[in-house]
Amino acid sequence: MFFWLCYIIAFIPLNILYPTRVLGKRKFPKNTPVLIASNHLSAKDPILVQLKFAKKIYFLAKIELFTNKFKSFFLKLFGAIPVDRNKVAISSIKEVFKLLKKNKKICVFPQGTRKNLPFVEPDDLKNGVAMFSAKTATPVLPIAFFDKSRAFKLNTLSVGELIYPTSNDLSKENLTNYSIKIAKAINSLLPKEK
């Protein structure tokens, strides 16, 4: 309830401040769990994803953001799941599995941190989204921001086709290959030349 109240209050101001058009919005699955894999250019990305799809979408966030109790309270209220990027806790993994079982949607940034360029480089990939997808047989929805979100500048968010895991093999080789497939899908949504 609190999420929707904040959504209503924030919707108009954020749409004016950070105008973002969505290409392929109809591809967003309604009544099924999904892992959303996105490039990561701005701290505003998780908020804009929730705003544009009008859904409470959970997202993985670095544990350093949760050191302040006040900030931590609001991050968790908006669906943030704390993750230590150096050593992922079992509790974080279990939380993701639990949410997917409840048909929730979770946004993961496969690079694990913000980058300056929109393209996802294979060398930057973490295998988290591939592991979650393979382990739970949950499809991945690739999305891509064209640019870093800036005040009063129109940005584009492009939505791709669902990618279904072909195996529940959790070997490093299989997860790396699956992660590269996801990265290629994200990159294919971006304009070829800027």
Protein backbone atom coordinates (compact mmCIF):
# COMPACT_ATOMS: atom_id res chain seq x y z
CA MET A 1 0.00 0.00 0.00
CA PHE A 2 2.80 2.42 0.93
CA PHE A 3 4.56 1.62 -2.36
CA TRP A 4 1.49 2.60 -4.39
CA LEU A 5 0.97 5.78 -2.38
CA CYS A 6 4.59 6.79 -3.10
CA TYR A 7 4.15 5.75 -6.72
CA ILE A 8 1.13 8.05 -7.14
CA ILE A 9 2.88 10.95 -5.40
CA ALA A 10 6.11 10.48 -7.37
CA PHE A 11 4.69 9.55 -10.78
CA ILE A 12 4.02 13.01 -12.21
CA PRO A 13 7.13 14.79 -10.82
CA LEU A 14 9.51 11.98 -11.86
CA ASN A 15 7.97 11.72 -15.33
CA ILE A 16 8.51 15.44 -15.79
CA LEU A 17 12.01 15.44 -14.28
CA TYR A 18 13.25 12.27 -16.02
CA PRO A 19 11.15 11.77 -19.18
CA THR A 20 11.64 8.23 -20.46
CA ARG A 21 9.85 6.61 -23.37
CA VAL A 22 9.52 2.82 -23.35
CA LEU A 23 9.91 0.80 -26.54
CA GLY A 24 8.31 -2.66 -26.50
CA LYS A 25 6.40 -2.19 -23.24
CA ARG A 26 3.82 -4.79 -24.33
CA LYS A 27 6.56 -7.45 -24.00
CA PHE A 28 6.60 -6.98 -20.22
CA PRO A 29 5.02 -10.15 -18.74
CA LYS A 30 2.03 -9.51 -16.50
CA ASN A 31 1.27 -12.60 -14.39
CA THR A 32 4.49 -14.54 -14.24
CA PRO A 33 7.75 -14.30 -12.32
CA VAL A 34 10.59 -12.80 -14.31
CA LEU A 35 14.19 -11.71 -13.86
CA ILE A 36 14.76 -8.34 -15.50
CA ALA A 37 18.33 -7.89 -16.71
CA SER A 38 19.36 -4.31 -17.40
CA ASN A 39 22.40 -2.24 -18.18
CA HIS A 40 23.15 0.15 -15.32
CA LEU A 41 24.00 3.78 -16.01
CA SER A 42 22.41 5.70 -13.14
CA ALA A 43 21.37 5.34 -9.50
CA LYS A 44 17.86 6.23 -10.73
CA ASP A 45 17.56 3.09 -12.90
CA PRO A 46 15.67 0.92 -10.35
CA ILE A 47 13.19 3.73 -9.65
CA LEU A 48 12.59 4.37 -13.35
CA VAL A 49 12.07 0.66 -14.04
CA GLN A 50 9.37 0.52 -11.35
CA LEU A 51 7.85 3.78 -12.54
CA LYS A 52 7.69 2.82 -16.22
CA PHE A 53 6.22 -0.63 -15.67
CA ALA A 54 3.88 0.48 -12.84
CA LYS A 55 4.84 -2.54 -10.76
CA LYS A 56 6.63 -3.17 -7.52
CA ILE A 57 9.79 -4.66 -8.90
CA TYR A 58 12.35 -5.97 -6.45
CA PHE A 59 15.99 -5.29 -7.20
CA LEU A 60 19.42 -6.27 -5.95
CA ALA A 61 21.34 -3.38 -4.39
CA LYS A 62 24.86 -3.19 -3.01
CA ILE A 63 25.04 -3.67 0.74
CA GLU A 64 26.89 -0.36 1.19
CA LEU A 65 23.60 1.46 0.54
CA PHE A 66 22.08 -0.05 3.69
CA THR A 67 24.50 1.36 6.30
CA ASN A 68 22.15 4.24 7.17
CA LYS A 69 19.07 2.85 9.02
CA PHE A 70 16.70 5.49 7.61
CA LYS A 71 17.87 4.93 4.03
CA SER A 72 17.86 1.17 4.55
CA PHE A 73 14.22 1.25 5.71
CA PHE A 74 13.06 3.03 2.54
CA LEU A 75 15.21 0.94 0.21
CA LYS A 76 13.71 -2.27 1.60
CA LEU A 77 10.22 -0.75 1.44
CA PHE A 78 10.76 -0.16 -2.28
CA GLY A 79 11.94 -3.72 -2.87
CA ALA A 80 15.72 -3.52 -2.49
CA ILE A 81 17.49 -6.75 -1.56
CA PRO A 82 20.94 -6.10 -0.03
CA VAL A 83 23.80 -7.95 -1.70
CA ASP A 84 27.47 -8.04 -0.80
CA ARG A 85 29.16 -7.96 -4.20
CA ASN A 86 32.32 -9.56 -2.80
CA LYS A 87 30.62 -12.47 -1.04
CA VAL A 88 26.92 -13.03 -1.69
CA ALA A 89 25.08 -14.15 1.44
CA ILE A 90 22.86 -17.24 1.35
CA SER A 91 20.05 -15.11 2.82
CA SER A 92 20.06 -12.86 -0.29
CA ILE A 93 19.89 -15.88 -2.61
CA LYS A 94 17.06 -17.41 -0.57
CA GLU A 95 15.17 -14.11 -0.68
CA VAL A 96 15.35 -14.06 -4.49
CA PHE A 97 14.15 -17.68 -4.72
CA LYS A 98 11.29 -16.95 -2.30
CA LEU A 99 10.13 -13.90 -4.29
CA LEU A 100 10.24 -15.77 -7.61
CA LYS A 101 8.11 -18.53 -6.08
CA LYS A 102 5.55 -15.84 -5.24
CA ASN A 103 5.43 -14.71 -8.92
CA LYS A 104 7.35 -11.49 -8.21
CA LYS A 105 9.61 -9.62 -10.60
CA ILE A 106 13.25 -8.93 -9.77
CA CYS A 107 15.60 -6.56 -11.56
CA VAL A 108 19.26 -7.51 -11.67
CA PHE A 109 22.13 -5.54 -13.15
CA PRO A 110 24.47 -8.24 -14.54
CA GLN A 111 27.49 -5.92 -14.39
CA GLY A 112 27.00 -5.49 -10.64
CA THR A 113 27.69 -1.76 -10.71
CA ARG A 114 27.03 1.42 -12.70
CA LYS A 115 28.95 2.00 -15.93
CA ASN A 116 29.55 5.03 -18.13
CA LEU A 117 28.62 3.33 -21.40
CA PRO A 118 25.30 1.60 -22.16
CA PHE A 119 26.79 -1.52 -23.74
CA VAL A 120 27.31 -4.52 -21.45
CA GLU A 121 30.85 -5.83 -21.87
CA PRO A 122 31.32 -9.61 -21.40
CA ASP A 123 34.36 -8.99 -19.16
CA ASP A 124 32.17 -7.03 -16.72
CA LEU A 125 29.55 -9.75 -16.22
CA LYS A 126 28.58 -11.42 -13.00
CA ASN A 127 26.70 -14.73 -13.29
CA GLY A 128 23.97 -13.96 -10.73
CA VAL A 129 21.04 -13.47 -13.10
CA ALA A 130 22.02 -16.56 -15.10
CA MET A 131 22.26 -18.62 -11.91
CA PHE A 132 18.87 -17.44 -10.60
CA SER A 133 17.25 -18.14 -13.98
CA ALA A 134 18.80 -21.59 -14.47
CA LYS A 135 18.13 -22.69 -10.88
CA THR A 136 14.46 -21.62 -10.85
CA ALA A 137 13.59 -22.03 -14.58
CA THR A 138 12.58 -18.35 -14.58
CA PRO A 139 12.78 -16.42 -17.87
CA VAL A 140 14.97 -13.34 -18.21
CA LEU A 141 13.62 -10.11 -19.70
CA PRO A 142 16.44 -7.99 -21.18
CA ILE A 143 15.95 -4.22 -21.04
CA ALA A 144 18.31 -1.37 -21.90
CA PHE A 145 18.55 2.32 -21.11
CA PHE A 146 19.96 4.22 -24.10
CA ASP A 147 21.58 6.92 -21.95
CA LYS A 148 22.22 7.93 -18.36
CA SER A 149 19.05 9.56 -16.98
CA ARG A 150 19.42 13.33 -16.80
CA ALA A 151 16.95 15.94 -15.65
CA PHE A 152 14.59 17.14 -18.39
CA LYS A 153 16.35 15.13 -21.10
CA LEU A 154 14.32 12.48 -22.93
CA ASN A 155 15.75 9.00 -22.50
CA THR A 156 14.68 5.66 -23.97
CA LEU A 157 14.18 2.31 -22.27
CA SER A 158 13.94 -0.60 -24.69
CA VAL A 159 12.38 -3.96 -23.80
CA GLY A 160 13.45 -7.21 -25.44
CA GLU A 161 12.02 -10.70 -25.79
CA LEU A 162 12.00 -13.19 -22.92
CA ILE A 163 14.98 -15.53 -22.74
CA TYR A 164 14.23 -18.95 -21.29
CA PRO A 165 16.94 -21.06 -19.66
CA THR A 166 17.74 -24.16 -21.70
CA SER A 167 19.42 -26.00 -18.83
CA ASN A 168 19.56 -26.12 -15.03
CA ASP A 169 23.31 -26.78 -15.25
CA LEU A 170 24.99 -24.48 -12.72
CA SER A 171 28.55 -25.09 -13.88
CA LYS A 172 30.67 -21.96 -14.28
CA GLU A 173 31.01 -22.56 -18.03
CA ASN A 174 27.26 -22.87 -18.58
CA LEU A 175 26.45 -19.83 -16.43
CA THR A 176 29.11 -17.75 -18.19
CA ASN A 177 27.70 -18.71 -21.61
CA TYR A 178 24.16 -17.91 -20.45
CA SER A 179 25.33 -14.56 -19.03
CA ILE A 180 26.94 -13.69 -22.38
CA LYS A 181 23.67 -14.55 -24.14
CA ILE A 182 21.81 -12.19 -21.79
CA ALA A 183 24.40 -9.44 -22.33
CA LYS A 184 24.08 -9.79 -26.11
CA ALA A 185 20.29 -9.50 -25.79
CA ILE A 186 20.66 -6.28 -23.78
CA ASN A 187 23.16 -4.86 -26.27
CA SER A 188 20.90 -5.74 -29.22
CA LEU A 189 18.29 -3.32 -27.83
CA LEU A 190 20.66 -0.34 -28.04
CA PRO A 191 21.14 1.87 -31.10
CA LYS A 192 24.06 0.64 -33.19
CA GLU A 193 25.63 4.09 -33.36
CA LYS A 194 25.24 7.06 -31.04
